[in-house]
Amino acid sequence: MAEKQIGEVSNYFDHVGVIAVKLNGALKVGDKIKVVGGEVNFEHKVDSMQIQHKSVKSAKKGDEVGIKVKERARKGYKVFKV
């Protein structure tokens, strides 16, 4: 399956290692994402996701979700589903 861009990082919270992603496609817990931008290029399995500080199993286009990640990311980095 080809990678499909499903969103863009809208914020990064350094103190908790969480990216906020504005989605333009569906995403669910268990999916694998790839974050690309600048010097950054990493894959990460979505173990948990939050909308407005509430845990969710899935999100749709237009939602903004928080995802805990292992590496830093910056606003504007692209997020792909792999």
Protein backbone atom coordinates (compact mmCIF):
# COMPACT_ATOMS: atom_id res chain seq x y z
CA MET A 1 0.00 0.00 0.00
CA ALA A 2 1.34 3.40 -0.93
CA GLU A 3 1.84 6.04 1.73
CA LYS A 4 -0.99 8.53 1.92
CA GLN A 5 -0.71 11.93 3.55
CA ILE A 6 -3.36 12.08 6.26
CA GLY A 7 -2.42 15.29 8.02
CA GLU A 8 0.07 17.87 9.13
CA VAL A 9 1.65 18.59 12.50
CA SER A 10 -0.02 21.69 13.93
CA ASN A 11 1.94 21.72 17.21
CA TYR A 12 4.54 19.78 19.21
CA PHE A 13 4.50 19.60 22.98
CA ASP A 14 8.11 18.98 24.00
CA HIS A 15 7.43 18.39 27.71
CA VAL A 16 5.16 15.39 26.98
CA GLY A 17 6.46 14.31 23.55
CA VAL A 18 3.11 14.75 21.82
CA ILE A 19 2.30 16.00 18.33
CA ALA A 20 -1.01 17.64 17.48
CA VAL A 21 -2.09 16.59 13.99
CA LYS A 22 -4.79 18.26 11.90
CA LEU A 23 -6.25 15.34 9.93
CA ASN A 24 -7.35 15.36 6.31
CA GLY A 25 -8.04 11.62 6.43
CA ALA A 26 -9.16 8.92 8.87
CA LEU A 27 -6.80 7.50 11.49
CA LYS A 28 -7.26 4.86 14.17
CA VAL A 29 -5.30 3.33 17.03
CA GLY A 30 -3.07 0.58 15.64
CA ASP A 31 -2.29 2.42 12.39
CA LYS A 32 1.32 3.18 11.55
CA ILE A 33 2.24 6.76 10.69
CA LYS A 34 5.32 8.37 9.20
CA VAL A 35 6.33 11.92 10.13
CA VAL A 36 8.45 13.76 7.56
CA GLY A 37 9.93 17.25 7.59
CA GLY A 38 13.30 18.99 7.83
CA GLU A 39 15.84 16.44 9.12
CA VAL A 40 13.05 14.28 10.58
CA ASN A 41 11.78 11.07 9.00
CA PHE A 42 10.42 8.42 11.37
CA GLU A 43 7.68 5.82 11.57
CA HIS A 44 5.53 5.32 14.64
CA LYS A 45 2.68 2.98 15.58
CA VAL A 46 -0.30 4.88 17.00
CA ASP A 47 -0.72 3.30 20.46
CA SER A 48 -3.15 5.94 21.71
CA MET A 49 -4.80 9.11 20.49
CA GLN A 50 -6.64 11.98 22.15
CA ILE A 51 -9.07 14.68 21.07
CA GLN A 52 -9.49 17.51 23.58
CA HIS A 53 -7.70 15.43 26.28
CA LYS A 54 -10.10 12.48 25.85
CA SER A 55 -8.85 9.11 24.58
CA VAL A 56 -10.35 8.00 21.27
CA LYS A 57 -9.97 4.85 19.16
CA SER A 58 -10.44 6.61 15.81
CA ALA A 59 -10.61 10.07 14.27
CA LYS A 60 -11.87 11.46 10.99
CA LYS A 61 -11.00 14.18 8.51
CA GLY A 62 -11.15 17.60 10.19
CA ASP A 63 -10.30 16.33 13.68
CA GLU A 64 -7.18 17.49 15.50
CA VAL A 65 -5.62 14.67 17.49
CA GLY A 66 -2.77 14.38 19.96
CA ILE A 67 -0.38 11.45 19.45
CA LYS A 68 2.54 10.58 21.71
CA VAL A 69 5.66 10.04 19.58
CA LYS A 70 9.25 8.98 20.19
CA GLU A 71 10.96 11.84 18.31
CA ARG A 72 10.62 15.61 18.01
CA ALA A 73 8.53 17.10 15.24
CA ARG A 74 7.76 20.67 14.25
CA LYS A 75 4.71 22.52 13.02
CA GLY A 76 4.19 21.96 9.30
CA TYR A 77 5.75 18.48 9.15
CA LYS A 78 3.73 16.08 7.02
CA VAL A 79 2.07 12.96 8.47
CA PHE A 80 1.48 9.90 6.32
CA LYS A 81 -0.34 6.61 6.96
CA VAL A 82 1.92 3.68 5.98
